[in-house]
Amino acid sequence: MSMIFGSGELFDAATLRRLYPGGSTEYLERFTGALDAAIRSGFILAADRAEILELAAATYPGARS
């Protein structure tokens, strides 16, 4: 089934700290920027923005900062 939908693997804590030293706050800021760029480019509907941001915040795997 993953061939159809893709798959993912969680980063370990050290990798998360290296990628996002500001924790979930930095991750969500960067995620929001990428999401807004995708909306401007027409890949994602603006109407879905709030729901996508809620999912991103709820599923960040690291400790909340």
N, C-alpha and C. Protein backbone atom coordinates (compact mmCIF):
# COMPACT_ATOMS: atom_id res chain seq x y z
N MET A 1 0.81 -1.19 0.00
CA MET A 1 0.00 0.00 0.00
C MET A 1 0.86 1.26 0.00
N SER A 2 2.05 1.20 0.62
CA SER A 2 2.88 2.40 0.67
C SER A 2 3.34 2.84 -0.72
N MET A 3 3.33 1.93 -1.68
CA MET A 3 3.71 2.30 -3.04
C MET A 3 2.69 3.27 -3.64
N ILE A 4 1.46 3.21 -3.19
CA ILE A 4 0.42 4.09 -3.69
C ILE A 4 0.45 5.43 -2.96
N PHE A 5 0.57 5.38 -1.64
CA PHE A 5 0.45 6.57 -0.82
C PHE A 5 1.77 7.13 -0.31
N GLY A 6 2.85 6.42 -0.48
CA GLY A 6 4.13 6.85 0.06
C GLY A 6 4.31 6.32 1.47
N SER A 7 5.40 6.66 2.04
CA SER A 7 5.68 6.23 3.41
C SER A 7 6.57 7.27 4.06
N GLY A 8 6.77 7.12 5.32
CA GLY A 8 7.61 8.06 6.04
C GLY A 8 8.32 7.36 7.18
N GLU A 9 9.33 8.02 7.66
CA GLU A 9 10.08 7.49 8.80
C GLU A 9 10.37 8.67 9.71
N LEU A 10 10.09 8.51 10.99
CA LEU A 10 10.31 9.59 11.94
C LEU A 10 11.80 9.84 12.13
N PHE A 11 12.17 11.11 12.26
CA PHE A 11 13.55 11.46 12.60
C PHE A 11 13.78 11.18 14.08
N ASP A 12 15.01 10.81 14.42
CA ASP A 12 15.33 10.67 15.83
C ASP A 12 15.48 12.07 16.44
N ALA A 13 15.55 12.12 17.78
CA ALA A 13 15.58 13.41 18.48
C ALA A 13 16.76 14.27 18.06
N ALA A 14 17.92 13.66 17.86
CA ALA A 14 19.11 14.42 17.47
C ALA A 14 18.93 15.07 16.10
N THR A 15 18.34 14.36 15.18
CA THR A 15 18.10 14.91 13.84
C THR A 15 17.10 16.05 13.90
N LEU A 16 16.04 15.89 14.68
CA LEU A 16 15.06 16.97 14.83
C LEU A 16 15.71 18.22 15.41
N ARG A 17 16.57 18.06 16.43
CA ARG A 17 17.25 19.22 17.02
C ARG A 17 18.17 19.90 16.01
N ARG A 18 18.83 19.10 15.16
CA ARG A 18 19.73 19.66 14.16
C ARG A 18 18.94 20.41 13.08
N LEU A 19 17.85 19.83 12.63
CA LEU A 19 17.05 20.45 11.57
C LEU A 19 16.25 21.65 12.06
N TYR A 20 15.73 21.55 13.27
CA TYR A 20 14.84 22.58 13.83
C TYR A 20 15.30 22.93 15.24
N PRO A 21 16.43 23.67 15.37
CA PRO A 21 16.93 23.99 16.71
C PRO A 21 15.94 24.80 17.54
N GLY A 22 15.02 25.47 16.89
CA GLY A 22 13.97 26.22 17.59
C GLY A 22 12.77 25.36 17.96
N GLY A 23 12.88 24.05 17.77
CA GLY A 23 11.80 23.13 18.13
C GLY A 23 10.57 23.28 17.25
N SER A 24 9.43 22.99 17.85
CA SER A 24 8.19 22.99 17.09
C SER A 24 7.85 24.37 16.55
N THR A 25 8.26 25.41 17.27
CA THR A 25 7.99 26.77 16.79
C THR A 25 8.68 27.02 15.46
N GLU A 26 9.96 26.67 15.38
CA GLU A 26 10.70 26.86 14.12
C GLU A 26 10.13 25.97 13.02
N TYR A 27 9.83 24.72 13.36
CA TYR A 27 9.26 23.80 12.37
C TYR A 27 7.98 24.37 11.78
N LEU A 28 7.09 24.84 12.64
CA LEU A 28 5.80 25.35 12.16
C LEU A 28 5.96 26.64 11.37
N GLU A 29 6.92 27.48 11.73
CA GLU A 29 7.17 28.69 10.94
C GLU A 29 7.64 28.31 9.53
N ARG A 30 8.55 27.36 9.44
CA ARG A 30 9.06 26.93 8.15
C ARG A 30 7.99 26.19 7.35
N PHE A 31 7.21 25.35 8.04
CA PHE A 31 6.12 24.63 7.40
C PHE A 31 5.10 25.62 6.83
N THR A 32 4.76 26.64 7.61
CA THR A 32 3.79 27.64 7.16
C THR A 32 4.29 28.37 5.92
N GLY A 33 5.56 28.71 5.89
CA GLY A 33 6.13 29.36 4.71
C GLY A 33 6.03 28.49 3.48
N ALA A 34 6.35 27.20 3.64
CA ALA A 34 6.27 26.27 2.51
C ALA A 34 4.82 26.06 2.08
N LEU A 35 3.92 25.98 3.04
CA LEU A 35 2.50 25.81 2.73
C LEU A 35 1.98 27.02 1.96
N ASP A 36 2.32 28.21 2.43
CA ASP A 36 1.85 29.42 1.74
C ASP A 36 2.41 29.51 0.32
N ALA A 37 3.65 29.07 0.13
CA ALA A 37 4.23 29.05 -1.22
C ALA A 37 3.46 28.07 -2.11
N ALA A 38 3.09 26.92 -1.56
CA ALA A 38 2.33 25.93 -2.33
C ALA A 38 0.94 26.46 -2.69
N ILE A 39 0.34 27.21 -1.77
CA ILE A 39 -0.96 27.82 -2.05
C ILE A 39 -0.83 28.86 -3.16
N ARG A 40 0.18 29.72 -3.06
CA ARG A 40 0.38 30.74 -4.10
C ARG A 40 0.63 30.11 -5.47
N SER A 41 1.28 28.95 -5.47
CA SER A 41 1.60 28.27 -6.73
C SER A 41 0.42 27.48 -7.28
N GLY A 42 -0.64 27.36 -6.50
CA GLY A 42 -1.82 26.65 -6.96
C GLY A 42 -1.83 25.16 -6.69
N PHE A 43 -0.88 24.68 -5.88
CA PHE A 43 -0.83 23.24 -5.59
C PHE A 43 -1.77 22.84 -4.47
N ILE A 44 -2.11 23.78 -3.60
CA ILE A 44 -2.98 23.52 -2.45
C ILE A 44 -4.01 24.63 -2.41
N LEU A 45 -5.23 24.29 -2.04
CA LEU A 45 -6.30 25.28 -1.95
C LEU A 45 -6.16 26.09 -0.66
N ALA A 46 -6.34 27.39 -0.77
CA ALA A 46 -6.28 28.26 0.40
C ALA A 46 -7.31 27.85 1.46
N ALA A 47 -8.43 27.32 1.01
CA ALA A 47 -9.48 26.89 1.94
C ALA A 47 -9.02 25.75 2.86
N ASP A 48 -7.97 25.04 2.47
CA ASP A 48 -7.46 23.92 3.27
C ASP A 48 -6.35 24.33 4.23
N ARG A 49 -5.92 25.58 4.18
CA ARG A 49 -4.76 26.04 4.95
C ARG A 49 -4.89 25.78 6.45
N ALA A 50 -5.98 26.20 7.06
CA ALA A 50 -6.14 26.06 8.51
C ALA A 50 -6.08 24.60 8.94
N GLU A 51 -6.75 23.74 8.21
CA GLU A 51 -6.75 22.31 8.57
C GLU A 51 -5.35 21.72 8.44
N ILE A 52 -4.63 22.08 7.40
CA ILE A 52 -3.28 21.57 7.20
C ILE A 52 -2.36 22.04 8.32
N LEU A 53 -2.48 23.31 8.72
CA LEU A 53 -1.66 23.82 9.82
C LEU A 53 -1.98 23.12 11.13
N GLU A 54 -3.25 22.83 11.37
CA GLU A 54 -3.63 22.10 12.58
C GLU A 54 -3.00 20.71 12.59
N LEU A 55 -3.03 20.04 11.45
CA LEU A 55 -2.43 18.71 11.36
C LEU A 55 -0.92 18.77 11.57
N ALA A 56 -0.28 19.78 11.01
CA ALA A 56 1.17 19.92 11.17
C ALA A 56 1.53 20.13 12.64
N ALA A 57 0.78 20.95 13.33
CA ALA A 57 1.04 21.20 14.75
C ALA A 57 0.79 19.96 15.59
N ALA A 58 -0.25 19.22 15.26
CA ALA A 58 -0.60 18.04 16.04
C ALA A 58 0.33 16.86 15.82
N THR A 59 1.01 16.83 14.69
CA THR A 59 1.81 15.66 14.36
C THR A 59 3.31 15.89 14.44
N TYR A 60 3.76 17.09 14.86
CA TYR A 60 5.20 17.32 15.01
C TYR A 60 5.72 16.33 16.05
N PRO A 61 6.73 15.54 15.70
CA PRO A 61 7.14 14.43 16.57
C PRO A 61 8.00 14.82 17.76
N GLY A 62 8.55 16.01 17.78
CA GLY A 62 9.44 16.40 18.87
C GLY A 62 8.68 16.98 20.04
N ALA A 63 9.41 17.26 21.09
CA ALA A 63 8.82 17.90 22.26
C ALA A 63 8.40 19.31 21.88
N ARG A 64 7.30 19.77 22.42
CA ARG A 64 6.81 21.11 22.12
C ARG A 64 7.74 22.14 22.75
N SER A 65 8.00 23.23 21.99
CA SER A 65 8.86 24.28 22.54
C SER A 65 8.05 25.53 22.80
